Amino acid sequence: MITAGQALDIAHAAALQHMQIDPANPIEVRLLDGRYIVTFVHSNPPGVRGPDYDARVTLDAATGDVLEILGAS
């Protein structure tokens, strides 16, 4: 099983192939049912509606394989 730090590194590299990630925004890493879900949070100004993440990457926790990349635009 990969570590949360490894999951973050893999997810970051995978997301950067498809979109820009703001390095100043927080990152959430969760382990759920054998998968890591890494969310690159998007910060909207107060009163502005929009997506709450720049990217969300799902990884297999056993292998580190990228299962899904979701991106907000």
Protein backbone atom coordinates (compact mmCIF):
# COMPACT_ATOMS: atom_id res chain seq x y z
CA MET A 1 0.00 0.00 0.00
CA ILE A 2 1.27 3.46 -0.85
CA THR A 3 1.50 6.20 1.76
CA ALA A 4 -0.55 9.40 1.81
CA GLY A 5 2.59 11.32 0.81
CA GLN A 6 3.16 9.05 -2.17
CA ALA A 7 -0.50 9.43 -3.15
CA LEU A 8 -0.13 13.20 -3.03
CA ASP A 9 2.98 13.12 -5.25
CA ILE A 10 1.35 10.81 -7.81
CA ALA A 11 -1.89 12.81 -7.86
CA HIS A 12 -0.04 16.11 -8.22
CA ALA A 13 1.98 14.85 -11.19
CA ALA A 14 -1.14 13.40 -12.84
CA ALA A 15 -3.21 16.56 -12.35
CA LEU A 16 -0.48 18.83 -13.71
CA GLN A 17 -0.60 16.96 -17.03
CA HIS A 18 -4.18 18.20 -17.53
CA MET A 19 -4.59 21.48 -15.65
CA GLN A 20 -2.97 24.18 -13.54
CA ILE A 21 -2.91 23.76 -9.79
CA ASP A 22 -2.55 26.79 -7.51
CA PRO A 23 0.25 25.83 -5.08
CA ALA A 24 -1.05 28.31 -2.49
CA ASN A 25 -4.36 26.45 -2.03
CA PRO A 26 -4.81 23.59 0.46
CA ILE A 27 -4.71 19.93 -0.51
CA GLU A 28 -6.85 17.22 1.09
CA VAL A 29 -5.82 13.54 1.07
CA ARG A 30 -8.38 10.96 2.20
CA LEU A 31 -8.21 7.16 2.28
CA LEU A 32 -11.62 5.62 1.62
CA ASP A 33 -12.43 2.00 0.70
CA GLY A 34 -8.97 1.19 -0.62
CA ARG A 35 -8.64 4.40 -2.60
CA TYR A 36 -6.91 7.68 -1.97
CA ILE A 37 -8.89 10.74 -2.98
CA VAL A 38 -6.63 13.77 -3.37
CA THR A 39 -8.44 17.09 -3.70
CA PHE A 40 -6.66 20.26 -4.78
CA VAL A 41 -8.97 22.80 -3.15
CA HIS A 42 -10.06 25.95 -5.01
CA SER A 43 -10.60 29.08 -2.96
CA ASN A 44 -13.35 31.35 -4.20
CA PRO A 45 -13.65 34.92 -2.96
CA PRO A 46 -16.55 35.52 -0.52
CA GLY A 47 -19.89 35.64 -2.32
CA VAL A 48 -18.54 34.07 -5.52
CA ARG A 49 -20.10 30.81 -6.63
CA GLY A 50 -18.00 28.24 -8.39
CA PRO A 51 -16.20 24.93 -8.07
CA ASP A 52 -14.71 23.98 -4.73
CA TYR A 53 -11.70 22.21 -6.26
CA ASP A 54 -9.22 22.66 -9.10
CA ALA A 55 -8.72 18.90 -9.42
CA ARG A 56 -9.75 15.70 -7.66
CA VAL A 57 -7.62 12.61 -8.31
CA THR A 58 -8.60 9.09 -7.23
CA LEU A 59 -5.84 6.50 -6.80
CA ASP A 60 -5.78 2.80 -6.01
CA ALA A 61 -4.23 2.70 -2.53
CA ALA A 62 -2.60 -0.69 -3.12
CA THR A 63 -0.88 0.10 -6.42
CA GLY A 64 -0.86 3.89 -6.77
CA ASP A 65 -2.58 3.62 -10.16
CA VAL A 66 -4.59 6.70 -11.14
CA LEU A 67 -8.24 5.70 -11.45
CA GLU A 68 -9.85 9.06 -12.18
CA ILE A 69 -8.96 12.72 -12.65
CA LEU A 70 -11.70 15.30 -12.32
CA GLY A 71 -10.95 18.93 -13.09
CA ALA A 72 -12.93 22.10 -12.64
CA SER A 73 -12.88 24.70 -15.35
